Amino acid sequence: MAKVRTGRVSEQIKKELSVLIQRELKDPRIGFVTVTGVEVPNDFAQAKVYLSVLGDEEQKKNTLIALDKANGFLRSELGKRIRFRHTPELIFKIDESIAYGSHIEKLLSEIDKNQ
């Protein structure tokens, strides 16, 4: 039962954060960001937010800095929209799985060309 609620809450956080980052934040350091996933433990104290950022390492770093600076605003808006008793602390992390997947696909296509 707890896993179902945790899954629903993490999906709702993902959806609301995607909208907030794209429409509400006006920081020029934030590039093209996609929220790829949210992990929430059973106590809802923290939420690890995984992001995919289009650009180089400098753009990713600047986006993380800007999102950390806007953390308070995002938490307060998230609390208003979802109406938590205690809004979880947001921890932003870069999701490297998409880049890793494209790297593997590139390697496989090179192997296919060589055969």
PDB file of N, CA and C in Angstrom:
ATOM      1  N   MET A   1       0.822  -1.191   0.000  1.00  0.00           N
ATOM      2  CA  MET A   1       0.000   0.000   0.000  1.00  0.00           C
ATOM      3  C   MET A   1       0.870   1.260   0.000  1.00  0.00           C
ATOM      4  N   ALA A   2       1.950   1.220   0.792  1.00  0.00           N
ATOM      5  CA  ALA A   2       2.833   2.390   0.873  1.00  0.00           C
ATOM      6  C   ALA A   2       3.548   2.636  -0.453  1.00  0.00           C
ATOM      7  N   LYS A   3       3.885   1.544  -1.154  1.00  0.00           N
ATOM      8  CA  LYS A   3       4.580   1.711  -2.436  1.00  0.00           C
ATOM      9  C   LYS A   3       3.685   2.386  -3.469  1.00  0.00           C
ATOM     10  N   VAL A   4       2.406   2.075  -3.433  1.00  0.00           N
ATOM     11  CA  VAL A   4       1.474   2.681  -4.380  1.00  0.00           C
ATOM     12  C   VAL A   4       1.390   4.182  -4.122  1.00  0.00           C
ATOM     13  N   ARG A   5       1.260   4.557  -2.859  1.00  0.00           N
ATOM     14  CA  ARG A   5       1.173   5.984  -2.524  1.00  0.00           C
ATOM     15  C   ARG A   5       2.474   6.700  -2.856  1.00  0.00           C
ATOM     16  N   THR A   6       3.597   6.086  -2.549  1.00  0.00           N
ATOM     17  CA  THR A   6       4.893   6.680  -2.871  1.00  0.00           C
ATOM     18  C   THR A   6       5.036   6.892  -4.370  1.00  0.00           C
ATOM     19  N   GLY A   7       4.609   5.934  -5.158  1.00  0.00           N
ATOM     20  CA  GLY A   7       4.666   6.059  -6.617  1.00  0.00           C
ATOM     21  C   GLY A   7       3.782   7.178  -7.138  1.00  0.00           C
ATOM     22  N   ARG A   8       2.576   7.285  -6.585  1.00  0.00           N
ATOM     23  CA  ARG A   8       1.666   8.351  -7.018  1.00  0.00           C
ATOM     24  C   ARG A   8       2.205   9.725  -6.645  1.00  0.00           C
ATOM     25  N   VAL A   9       2.751   9.831  -5.426  1.00  0.00           N
ATOM     26  CA  VAL A   9       3.298  11.115  -4.984  1.00  0.00           C
ATOM     27  C   VAL A   9       4.500  11.504  -5.832  1.00  0.00           C
ATOM     28  N   SER A  10       5.380  10.553  -6.134  1.00  0.00           N
ATOM     29  CA  SER A  10       6.559  10.881  -6.940  1.00  0.00           C
ATOM     30  C   SER A  10       6.157  11.299  -8.353  1.00  0.00           C
ATOM     31  N   GLU A  11       5.155  10.667  -8.927  1.00  0.00           N
ATOM     32  CA  GLU A  11       4.685  11.065 -10.258  1.00  0.00           C
ATOM     33  C   GLU A  11       4.049  12.454 -10.243  1.00  0.00           C
ATOM     34  N   GLN A  12       3.310  12.745  -9.172  1.00  0.00           N
ATOM     35  CA  GLN A  12       2.690  14.074  -9.062  1.00  0.00           C
ATOM     36  C   GLN A  12       3.756  15.156  -8.894  1.00  0.00           C
ATOM     37  N   ILE A  13       4.780  14.868  -8.096  1.00  0.00           N
ATOM     38  CA  ILE A  13       5.889  15.824  -7.931  1.00  0.00           C
ATOM     39  C   ILE A  13       6.581  16.034  -9.264  1.00  0.00           C
ATOM     40  N   LYS A  14       6.810  14.962  -9.997  1.00  0.00           N
ATOM     41  CA  LYS A  14       7.462  15.055 -11.309  1.00  0.00           C
ATOM     42  C   LYS A  14       6.661  15.941 -12.254  1.00  0.00           C
ATOM     43  N   LYS A  15       5.367  15.730 -12.297  1.00  0.00           N
ATOM     44  CA  LYS A  15       4.504  16.503 -13.192  1.00  0.00           C
ATOM     45  C   LYS A  15       4.494  17.985 -12.814  1.00  0.00           C
ATOM     46  N   GLU A  16       4.321  18.271 -11.539  1.00  0.00           N
ATOM     47  CA  GLU A  16       4.246  19.666 -11.087  1.00  0.00           C
ATOM     48  C   GLU A  16       5.581  20.380 -11.237  1.00  0.00           C
ATOM     49  N   LEU A  17       6.686  19.699 -10.933  1.00  0.00           N
ATOM     50  CA  LEU A  17       7.999  20.326 -11.089  1.00  0.00           C
ATOM     51  C   LEU A  17       8.312  20.615 -12.548  1.00  0.00           C
ATOM     52  N   SER A  18       7.897  19.742 -13.443  1.00  0.00           N
ATOM     53  CA  SER A  18       8.117  19.985 -14.869  1.00  0.00           C
ATOM     54  C   SER A  18       7.432  21.281 -15.302  1.00  0.00           C
ATOM     55  N   VAL A  19       6.196  21.453 -14.867  1.00  0.00           N
ATOM     56  CA  VAL A  19       5.448  22.664 -15.211  1.00  0.00           C
ATOM     57  C   VAL A  19       6.089  23.888 -14.566  1.00  0.00           C
ATOM     58  N   LEU A  20       6.469  23.773 -13.297  1.00  0.00           N
ATOM     59  CA  LEU A  20       7.063  24.915 -12.591  1.00  0.00           C
ATOM     60  C   LEU A  20       8.377  25.351 -13.229  1.00  0.00           C
ATOM     61  N   ILE A  21       9.226  24.399 -13.558  1.00  0.00           N
ATOM     62  CA  ILE A  21      10.536  24.737 -14.129  1.00  0.00           C
ATOM     63  C   ILE A  21      10.370  25.371 -15.501  1.00  0.00           C
ATOM     64  N   GLN A  22       9.474  24.847 -16.309  1.00  0.00           N
ATOM     65  CA  GLN A  22       9.323  25.364 -17.666  1.00  0.00           C
ATOM     66  C   GLN A  22       8.601  26.700 -17.718  1.00  0.00           C
ATOM     67  N   ARG A  23       7.596  26.895 -16.875  1.00  0.00           N
ATOM     68  CA  ARG A  23       6.751  28.081 -17.009  1.00  0.00           C
ATOM     69  C   ARG A  23       7.003  29.169 -15.981  1.00  0.00           C
ATOM     70  N   GLU A  24       7.418  28.817 -14.779  1.00  0.00           N
ATOM     71  CA  GLU A  24       7.501  29.803 -13.702  1.00  0.00           C
ATOM     72  C   GLU A  24       8.903  30.371 -13.487  1.00  0.00           C
ATOM     73  N   LEU A  25       9.924  29.571 -13.715  1.00  0.00           N
ATOM     74  CA  LEU A  25      11.293  30.042 -13.467  1.00  0.00           C
ATOM     75  C   LEU A  25      11.778  30.859 -14.656  1.00  0.00           C
ATOM     76  N   LYS A  26      12.300  32.033 -14.360  1.00  0.00           N
ATOM     77  CA  LYS A  26      12.761  32.943 -15.414  1.00  0.00           C
ATOM     78  C   LYS A  26      14.284  33.098 -15.438  1.00  0.00           C
ATOM     79  N   ASP A  27      14.994  32.228 -14.738  1.00  0.00           N
ATOM     80  CA  ASP A  27      16.453  32.318 -14.660  1.00  0.00           C
ATOM     81  C   ASP A  27      17.063  31.944 -16.010  1.00  0.00           C
ATOM     82  N   PRO A  28      17.908  32.800 -16.584  1.00  0.00           N
ATOM     83  CA  PRO A  28      18.501  32.487 -17.893  1.00  0.00           C
ATOM     84  C   PRO A  28      19.517  31.343 -17.849  1.00  0.00           C
ATOM     85  N   ARG A  29      19.981  30.983 -16.652  1.00  0.00           N
ATOM     86  CA  ARG A  29      20.939  29.884 -16.543  1.00  0.00           C
ATOM     87  C   ARG A  29      20.283  28.527 -16.762  1.00  0.00           C
ATOM     88  N   ILE A  30      18.967  28.476 -16.633  1.00  0.00           N
ATOM     89  CA  ILE A  30      18.263  27.210 -16.805  1.00  0.00           C
ATOM     90  C   ILE A  30      18.045  26.979 -18.289  1.00  0.00           C
ATOM     91  N   GLY A  31      18.621  25.902 -18.772  1.00  0.00           N
ATOM     92  CA  GLY A  31      18.498  25.573 -20.185  1.00  0.00           C
ATOM     93  C   GLY A  31      17.272  24.718 -20.431  1.00  0.00           C
ATOM     94  N   PHE A  32      17.370  23.877 -21.429  1.00  0.00           N
ATOM     95  CA  PHE A  32      16.276  22.970 -21.760  1.00  0.00           C
ATOM     96  C   PHE A  32      16.349  21.791 -20.801  1.00  0.00           C
ATOM     97  N   VAL A  33      15.415  21.734 -19.843  1.00  0.00           N
ATOM     98  CA  VAL A  33      15.431  20.747 -18.766  1.00  0.00           C
ATOM     99  C   VAL A  33      14.215  19.840 -18.877  1.00  0.00           C
ATOM    100  N   THR A  34      14.452  18.546 -18.681  1.00  0.00           N
ATOM    101  CA  THR A  34      13.376  17.580 -18.602  1.00  0.00           C
ATOM    102  C   THR A  34      13.504  16.843 -17.284  1.00  0.00           C
ATOM    103  N   VAL A  35      12.430  16.780 -16.518  1.00  0.00           N
ATOM    104  CA  VAL A  35      12.423  16.002 -15.281  1.00  0.00           C
ATOM    105  C   VAL A  35      12.163  14.557 -15.674  1.00  0.00           C
ATOM    106  N   THR A  36      13.168  13.701 -15.484  1.00  0.00           N
ATOM    107  CA  THR A  36      13.052  12.314 -15.924  1.00  0.00           C
ATOM    108  C   THR A  36      12.526  11.392 -14.846  1.00  0.00           C
ATOM    109  N   GLY A  37      12.678  11.770 -13.593  1.00  0.00           N
ATOM    110  CA  GLY A  37      12.186  10.900 -12.529  1.00  0.00           C
ATOM    111  C   GLY A  37      12.305  11.562 -11.178  1.00  0.00           C
ATOM    112  N   VAL A  38      11.535  11.047 -10.232  1.00  0.00           N
ATOM    113  CA  VAL A  38      11.572  11.513  -8.851  1.00  0.00           C
ATOM    114  C   VAL A  38      11.520  10.292  -7.955  1.00  0.00           C
ATOM    115  N   GLU A  39      12.438  10.228  -6.994  1.00  0.00           N
ATOM    116  CA  GLU A  39      12.443   9.158  -6.000  1.00  0.00           C
ATOM    117  C   GLU A  39      12.073   9.759  -4.658  1.00  0.00           C
ATOM    118  N   VAL A  40      11.065   9.186  -4.022  1.00  0.00           N
ATOM    119  CA  VAL A  40      10.611   9.660  -2.715  1.00  0.00           C
ATOM    120  C   VAL A  40      10.621   8.474  -1.760  1.00  0.00           C
ATOM    121  N   PRO A  41      11.291   8.599  -0.598  1.00  0.00           N
ATOM    122  CA  PRO A  41      11.241   7.506   0.387  1.00  0.00           C
ATOM    123  C   PRO A  41       9.876   7.465   1.082  1.00  0.00           C
ATOM    124  N   ASN A  42       9.671   6.473   1.913  1.00  0.00           N
ATOM    125  CA  ASN A  42       8.371   6.293   2.571  1.00  0.00           C
ATOM    126  C   ASN A  42       7.998   7.429   3.517  1.00  0.00           C
ATOM    127  N   ASP A  43       8.982   8.130   4.075  1.00  0.00           N
ATOM    128  CA  ASP A  43       8.662   9.204   5.022  1.00  0.00           C
ATOM    129  C   ASP A  43       8.441  10.553   4.332  1.00  0.00           C
ATOM    130  N   PHE A  44       8.625  10.635   3.036  1.00  0.00           N
ATOM    131  CA  PHE A  44       8.410  11.850   2.235  1.00  0.00           C
ATOM    132  C   PHE A  44       9.250  13.036   2.719  1.00  0.00           C
ATOM    133  N   ALA A  45      10.405  12.774   3.325  1.00  0.00           N
ATOM    134  CA  ALA A  45      11.242  13.864   3.833  1.00  0.00           C
ATOM    135  C   ALA A  45      12.060  14.498   2.716  1.00  0.00           C
ATOM    136  N   GLN A  46      12.506  13.705   1.776  1.00  0.00           N
ATOM    137  CA  GLN A  46      13.327  14.204   0.678  1.00  0.00           C
ATOM    138  C   GLN A  46      12.783  13.658  -0.633  1.00  0.00           C
ATOM    139  N   ALA A  47      13.049  14.393  -1.681  1.00  0.00           N
ATOM    140  CA  ALA A  47      12.697  13.932  -3.016  1.00  0.00           C
ATOM    141  C   ALA A  47      13.909  14.140  -3.916  1.00  0.00           C
ATOM    142  N   LYS A  48      14.451  13.061  -4.449  1.00  0.00           N
ATOM    143  CA  LYS A  48      15.551  13.162  -5.404  1.00  0.00           C
ATOM    144  C   LYS A  48      14.946  13.359  -6.775  1.00  0.00           C
ATOM    145  N   VAL A  49      15.256  14.490  -7.376  1.00  0.00           N
ATOM    146  CA  VAL A  49      14.702  14.850  -8.674  1.00  0.00           C
ATOM    147  C   VAL A  49      15.792  14.663  -9.721  1.00  0.00           C
ATOM    148  N   TYR A  50      15.550  13.776 -10.669  1.00  0.00           N
ATOM    149  CA  TYR A  50      16.520  13.499 -11.726  1.00  0.00           C
ATOM    150  C   TYR A  50      16.162  14.314 -12.961  1.00  0.00           C
ATOM    151  N   LEU A  51      17.177  15.006 -13.488  1.00  0.00           N
ATOM    152  CA  LEU A  51      16.981  15.935 -14.597  1.00  0.00           C
ATOM    153  C   LEU A  51      17.841  15.543 -15.784  1.00  0.00           C
ATOM    154  N   SER A  52      17.316  15.770 -16.955  1.00  0.00           N
ATOM    155  CA  SER A  52      18.084  15.646 -18.187  1.00  0.00           C
ATOM    156  C   SER A  52      18.205  17.056 -18.760  1.00  0.00           C
ATOM    157  N   VAL A  53      19.446  17.508 -18.971  1.00  0.00           N
ATOM    158  CA  VAL A  53      19.696  18.864 -19.455  1.00  0.00           C
ATOM    159  C   VAL A  53      20.366  18.775 -20.810  1.00  0.00           C
ATOM    160  N   LEU A  54      19.791  19.491 -21.778  1.00  0.00           N
ATOM    161  CA  LEU A  54      20.370  19.529 -23.111  1.00  0.00           C
ATOM    162  C   LEU A  54      21.511  20.550 -23.108  1.00  0.00           C
ATOM    163  N   GLY A  55      22.690  20.110 -23.482  1.00  0.00           N
ATOM    164  CA  GLY A  55      23.834  21.012 -23.521  1.00  0.00           C
ATOM    165  C   GLY A  55      25.090  20.340 -22.999  1.00  0.00           C
ATOM    166  N   ASP A  56      26.133  21.149 -22.870  1.00  0.00           N
ATOM    167  CA  ASP A  56      27.410  20.626 -22.405  1.00  0.00           C
ATOM    168  C   ASP A  56      27.454  20.603 -20.873  1.00  0.00           C
ATOM    169  N   GLU A  57      28.617  20.238 -20.335  1.00  0.00           N
ATOM    170  CA  GLU A  57      28.776  20.132 -18.882  1.00  0.00           C
ATOM    171  C   GLU A  57      28.595  21.481 -18.189  1.00  0.00           C
ATOM    172  N   GLU A  58      29.037  22.559 -18.829  1.00  0.00           N
ATOM    173  CA  GLU A  58      28.877  23.897 -18.246  1.00  0.00           C
ATOM    174  C   GLU A  58      27.394  24.257 -18.117  1.00  0.00           C
ATOM    175  N   GLN A  59      26.614  23.933 -19.136  1.00  0.00           N
ATOM    176  CA  GLN A  59      25.173  24.198 -19.093  1.00  0.00           C
ATOM    177  C   GLN A  59      24.502  23.383 -17.995  1.00  0.00           C
ATOM    178  N   LYS A  60      24.917  22.124 -17.835  1.00  0.00           N
ATOM    179  CA  LYS A  60      24.357  21.282 -16.783  1.00  0.00           C
ATOM    180  C   LYS A  60      24.679  21.845 -15.406  1.00  0.00           C
ATOM    181  N   LYS A  61      25.919  22.286 -15.239  1.00  0.00           N
ATOM    182  CA  LYS A  61      26.340  22.845 -13.952  1.00  0.00           C
ATOM    183  C   LYS A  61      25.567  24.123 -13.638  1.00  0.00           C
ATOM    184  N   ASN A  62      25.418  25.003 -14.625  1.00  0.00           N
ATOM    185  CA  ASN A  62      24.676  26.246 -14.416  1.00  0.00           C
ATOM    186  C   ASN A  62      23.204  25.981 -14.110  1.00  0.00           C
ATOM    187  N   THR A  63      22.627  24.983 -14.743  1.00  0.00           N
ATOM    188  CA  THR A  63      21.235  24.641 -14.485  1.00  0.00           C
ATOM    189  C   THR A  63      21.065  24.143 -13.056  1.00  0.00           C
ATOM    190  N   LEU A  64      21.989  23.292 -12.591  1.00  0.00           N
ATOM    191  CA  LEU A  64      21.904  22.805 -11.216  1.00  0.00           C
ATOM    192  C   LEU A  64      22.045  23.941 -10.210  1.00  0.00           C
ATOM    193  N   ILE A  65      22.948  24.883 -10.484  1.00  0.00           N
ATOM    194  CA  ILE A  65      23.132  26.027  -9.588  1.00  0.00           C
ATOM    195  C   ILE A  65      21.861  26.867  -9.532  1.00  0.00           C
ATOM    196  N   ALA A  66      21.264  27.117 -10.689  1.00  0.00           N
ATOM    197  CA  ALA A  66      20.042  27.930 -10.738  1.00  0.00           C
ATOM    198  C   ALA A  66      18.889  27.219 -10.032  1.00  0.00           C
ATOM    199  N   LEU A  67      18.772  25.916 -10.206  1.00  0.00           N
ATOM    200  CA  LEU A  67      17.693  25.184  -9.549  1.00  0.00           C
ATOM    201  C   LEU A  67      17.893  25.111  -8.038  1.00  0.00           C
ATOM    202  N   ASP A  68      19.149  24.990  -7.597  1.00  0.00           N
ATOM    203  CA  ASP A  68      19.413  25.017  -6.162  1.00  0.00           C
ATOM    204  C   ASP A  68      19.059  26.371  -5.568  1.00  0.00           C
ATOM    205  N   LYS A  69      19.302  27.422  -6.325  1.00  0.00           N
ATOM    206  CA  LYS A  69      18.952  28.768  -5.865  1.00  0.00           C
ATOM    207  C   LYS A  69      17.430  28.953  -5.794  1.00  0.00           C
ATOM    208  N   ALA A  70      16.700  28.329  -6.699  1.00  0.00           N
ATOM    209  CA  ALA A  70      15.244  28.442  -6.735  1.00  0.00           C
ATOM    210  C   ALA A  70      14.563  27.357  -5.909  1.00  0.00           C
ATOM    211  N   ASN A  71      15.317  26.604  -5.119  1.00  0.00           N
ATOM    212  CA  ASN A  71      14.782  25.480  -4.361  1.00  0.00           C
ATOM    213  C   ASN A  71      13.650  25.901  -3.421  1.00  0.00           C
ATOM    214  N   GLY A  72      13.809  26.998  -2.728  1.00  0.00           N
ATOM    215  CA  GLY A  72      12.777  27.467  -1.802  1.00  0.00           C
ATOM    216  C   GLY A  72      11.481  27.809  -2.513  1.00  0.00           C
ATOM    217  N   PHE A  73      11.591  28.507  -3.636  1.00  0.00           N
ATOM    218  CA  PHE A  73      10.408  28.854  -4.426  1.00  0.00           C
ATOM    219  C   PHE A  73       9.714  27.597  -4.927  1.00  0.00           C
ATOM    220  N   LEU A  74      10.496  26.635  -5.439  1.00  0.00           N
ATOM    221  CA  LEU A  74       9.915  25.407  -5.974  1.00  0.00           C
ATOM    222  C   LEU A  74       9.216  24.610  -4.871  1.00  0.00           C
ATOM    223  N   ARG A  75       9.833  24.540  -3.693  1.00  0.00           N
ATOM    224  CA  ARG A  75       9.212  23.820  -2.577  1.00  0.00           C
ATOM    225  C   ARG A  75       7.904  24.473  -2.149  1.00  0.00           C
ATOM    226  N   SER A  76       7.899  25.794  -2.058  1.00  0.00           N
ATOM    227  CA  SER A  76       6.678  26.473  -1.610  1.00  0.00           C
ATOM    228  C   SER A  76       5.552  26.313  -2.636  1.00  0.00           C
ATOM    229  N   GLU A  77       5.878  26.445  -3.918  1.00  0.00           N
ATOM    230  CA  GLU A  77       4.858  26.257  -4.954  1.00  0.00           C
ATOM    231  C   GLU A  77       4.379  24.812  -5.010  1.00  0.00           C
ATOM    232  N   LEU A  78       5.299  23.879  -4.813  1.00  0.00           N
ATOM    233  CA  LEU A  78       4.928  22.465  -4.794  1.00  0.00           C
ATOM    234  C   LEU A  78       3.995  22.176  -3.617  1.00  0.00           C
ATOM    235  N   GLY A  79       4.291  22.775  -2.479  1.00  0.00           N
ATOM    236  CA  GLY A  79       3.432  22.605  -1.313  1.00  0.00           C
ATOM    237  C   GLY A  79       2.046  23.174  -1.526  1.00  0.00           C
ATOM    238  N   LYS A  80       1.946  24.285  -2.247  1.00  0.00           N
ATOM    239  CA  LYS A  80       0.636  24.875  -2.536  1.00  0.00           C
ATOM    240  C   LYS A  80      -0.166  24.017  -3.513  1.00  0.00           C
ATOM    241  N   ARG A  81       0.523  23.467  -4.514  1.00  0.00           N
ATOM    242  CA  ARG A  81      -0.178  22.729  -5.565  1.00  0.00           C
ATOM    243  C   ARG A  81      -0.574  21.318  -5.148  1.00  0.00           C
ATOM    244  N   ILE A  82       0.282  20.668  -4.367  1.00  0.00           N
ATOM    245  CA  ILE A  82      -0.008  19.293  -3.970  1.00  0.00           C
ATOM    246  C   ILE A  82      -0.611  19.238  -2.559  1.00  0.00           C
ATOM    247  N   ARG A  83      -0.380  20.249  -1.775  1.00  0.00           N
ATOM    248  CA  ARG A  83      -0.922  20.372  -0.419  1.00  0.00           C
ATOM    249  C   ARG A  83      -0.412  19.272   0.501  1.00  0.00           C
ATOM    250  N   PHE A  84       0.914  19.227   0.644  1.00  0.00           N
ATOM    251  CA  PHE A  84       1.553  18.331   1.600  1.00  0.00           C
ATOM    252  C   PHE A  84       1.443  18.903   3.005  1.00  0.00           C
ATOM    253  N   ARG A  85       1.499  18.025   3.978  1.00  0.00           N
ATOM    254  CA  ARG A  85       1.628  18.504   5.344  1.00  0.00           C
ATOM    255  C   ARG A  85       3.044  19.051   5.528  1.00  0.00           C
ATOM    256  N   HIS A  86       4.024  18.271   5.083  1.00  0.00           N
ATOM    257  CA  HIS A  86       5.423  18.703   5.073  1.00  0.00           C
ATOM    258  C   HIS A  86       5.955  18.491   3.661  1.00  0.00           C
ATOM    259  N   THR A  87       6.324  19.576   3.008  1.00  0.00           N
ATOM    260  CA  THR A  87       6.839  19.478   1.645  1.00  0.00           C
ATOM    261  C   THR A  87       8.241  18.880   1.686  1.00  0.00           C
ATOM    262  N   PRO A  88       8.519  17.886   0.865  1.00  0.00           N
ATOM    263  CA  PRO A  88       9.846  17.251   0.911  1.00  0.00           C
ATOM    264  C   PRO A  88      10.951  18.190   0.432  1.00  0.00           C
ATOM    265  N   GLU A  89      12.137  17.954   0.962  1.00  0.00           N
ATOM    266  CA  GLU A  89      13.320  18.680   0.526  1.00  0.00           C
ATOM    267  C   GLU A  89      13.689  18.184  -0.866  1.00  0.00           C
ATOM    268  N   LEU A  90      13.948  19.109  -1.783  1.00  0.00           N
ATOM    269  CA  LEU A  90      14.248  18.742  -3.169  1.00  0.00           C
ATOM    270  C   LEU A  90      15.756  18.643  -3.355  1.00  0.00           C
ATOM    271  N   ILE A  91      16.208  17.527  -3.887  1.00  0.00           N
ATOM    272  CA  ILE A  91      17.619  17.300  -4.192  1.00  0.00           C
ATOM    273  C   ILE A  91      17.701  17.045  -5.691  1.00  0.00           C
ATOM    274  N   PHE A  92      18.371  17.940  -6.410  1.00  0.00           N
ATOM    275  CA  PHE A  92      18.455  17.831  -7.866  1.00  0.00           C
ATOM    276  C   PHE A  92      19.713  17.084  -8.274  1.00  0.00           C
ATOM    277  N   LYS A  93      19.549  16.133  -9.188  1.00  0.00           N
ATOM    278  CA  LYS A  93      20.667  15.346  -9.709  1.00  0.00           C
ATOM    279  C   LYS A  93      20.508  15.234 -11.224  1.00  0.00           C
ATOM    280  N   ILE A  94      21.640  15.198 -11.909  1.00  0.00           N
ATOM    281  CA  ILE A  94      21.639  15.032 -13.362  1.00  0.00           C
ATOM    282  C   ILE A  94      21.479  13.551 -13.682  1.00  0.00           C
ATOM    283  N   ASP A  95      20.543  13.244 -14.566  1.00  0.00           N
ATOM    284  CA  ASP A  95      20.292  11.878 -15.001  1.00  0.00           C
ATOM    285  C   ASP A  95      21.141  11.614 -16.239  1.00  0.00           C
ATOM    286  N   GLU A  96      22.115  10.749 -16.097  1.00  0.00           N
ATOM    287  CA  GLU A  96      23.029  10.442 -17.198  1.00  0.00           C
ATOM    288  C   GLU A  96      22.570   9.248 -18.024  1.00  0.00           C
ATOM    289  N   SER A  97      21.424   8.674 -17.717  1.00  0.00           N
ATOM    290  CA  SER A  97      21.006   7.450 -18.392  1.00  0.00           C
ATOM    291  C   SER A  97      20.696   7.682 -19.874  1.00  0.00           C
ATOM    292  N   ILE A  98      20.176   8.840 -20.219  1.00  0.00           N
ATOM    293  CA  ILE A  98      19.860   9.113 -21.626  1.00  0.00           C
ATOM    294  C   ILE A  98      21.147   9.240 -22.444  1.00  0.00           C
ATOM    295  N   ALA A  99      22.124   9.950 -21.893  1.00  0.00           N
ATOM    296  CA  ALA A  99      23.411  10.083 -22.573  1.00  0.00           C
ATOM    297  C   ALA A  99      24.105   8.727 -22.680  1.00  0.00           C
ATOM    298  N   TYR A 100      23.993   7.921 -21.621  1.00  0.00           N
ATOM    299  CA  TYR A 100      24.599   6.590 -21.636  1.00  0.00           C
ATOM    300  C   TYR A 100      23.930   5.708 -22.693  1.00  0.00           C
ATOM    301  N   GLY A 101      22.604   5.790 -22.782  1.00  0.00           N
ATOM    302  CA  GLY A 101      21.869   5.009 -23.777  1.00  0.00           C
ATOM    303  C   GLY A 101      22.238   5.399 -25.201  1.00  0.00           C
ATOM    304  N   SER A 102      22.381   6.698 -25.453  1.00  0.00           N
ATOM    305  CA  SER A 102      22.751   7.134 -26.800  1.00  0.00           C
ATOM    306  C   SER A 102      24.190   6.725 -27.127  1.00  0.00           C
ATOM    307  N   HIS A 103      25.061   6.704 -26.112  1.00  0.00           N
ATOM    308  CA  HIS A 103      26.443   6.262 -26.318  1.00  0.00           C
ATOM    309  C   HIS A 103      26.470   4.772 -26.692  1.00  0.00           C
ATOM    310  N   ILE A 104      25.682   3.969 -26.004  1.00  0.00           N
ATOM    311  CA  ILE A 104      25.613   2.532 -26.309  1.00  0.00           C
ATOM    312  C   ILE A 104      25.054   2.310 -27.713  1.00  0.00           C
ATOM    313  N   GLU A 105      24.028   3.090 -28.056  1.00  0.00           N
ATOM    314  CA  GLU A 105      23.437   2.957 -29.390  1.00  0.00           C
ATOM    315  C   GLU A 105      24.449   3.325 -30.475  1.00  0.00           C
ATOM    316  N   LYS A 106      25.253   4.354 -30.218  1.00  0.00           N
ATOM    317  CA  LYS A 106      26.284   4.753 -31.168  1.00  0.00           C
ATOM    318  C   LYS A 106      27.326   3.649 -31.338  1.00  0.00           C
ATOM    319  N   LEU A 107      27.735   3.044 -30.215  1.00  0.00           N
ATOM    320  CA  LEU A 107      28.702   1.950 -30.282  1.00  0.00           C
ATOM    321  C   LEU A 107      28.140   0.751 -31.048  1.00  0.00           C
ATOM    322  N   LEU A 108      26.884   0.445 -30.834  1.00  0.00           N
ATOM    323  CA  LEU A 108      26.272  -0.677 -31.540  1.00  0.00           C
ATOM    324  C   LEU A 108      26.160  -0.410 -33.038  1.00  0.00           C
ATOM    325  N   SER A 109      25.861   0.834 -33.399  1.00  0.00           N
ATOM    326  CA  SER A 109      25.774   1.140 -34.835  1.00  0.00           C
ATOM    327  C   SER A 109      27.163   1.090 -35.490  1.00  0.00           C
ATOM    328  N   GLU A 110      28.220   1.459 -34.741  1.00  0.00           N
ATOM    329  CA  GLU A 110      29.583   1.348 -35.274  1.00  0.00           C
ATOM    330  C   GLU A 110      29.972  -0.105 -35.480  1.00  0.00           C
ATOM    331  N   ILE A 111      29.568  -0.973 -34.564  1.00  0.00           N
ATOM    332  CA  ILE A 111      29.854  -2.389 -34.697  1.00  0.00           C
ATOM    333  C   ILE A 111      29.115  -2.953 -35.912  1.00  0.00           C
ATOM    334  N   ASP A 112      27.875  -2.518 -36.108  1.00  0.00           N
ATOM    335  CA  ASP A 112      27.083  -2.988 -37.236  1.00  0.00           C
ATOM    336  C   ASP A 112      27.700  -2.536 -38.567  1.00  0.00           C
ATOM    337  N   LYS A 113      28.258  -1.326 -38.597  1.00  0.00           N
ATOM    338  CA  LYS A 113      28.889  -0.820 -39.828  1.00  0.00           C
ATOM    339  C   LYS A 113      30.148  -1.615 -40.160  1.00  0.00           C
ATOM    340  N   ASN A 114      30.893  -2.021 -39.142  1.00  0.00           N
ATOM    341  CA  ASN A 114      32.165  -2.717 -39.354  1.00  0.00           C
ATOM    342  C   ASN A 114      31.981  -4.163 -39.782  1.00  0.00           C
ATOM    343  N   GLN A 115      30.800  -4.713 -39.620  1.00  0.00           N
ATOM    344  CA  GLN A 115      30.620  -6.131 -39.991  1.00  0.00           C
ATOM    345  C   GLN A 115      30.134  -6.298 -41.375  1.00  0.00           C
TER     346      GLN A 115
END
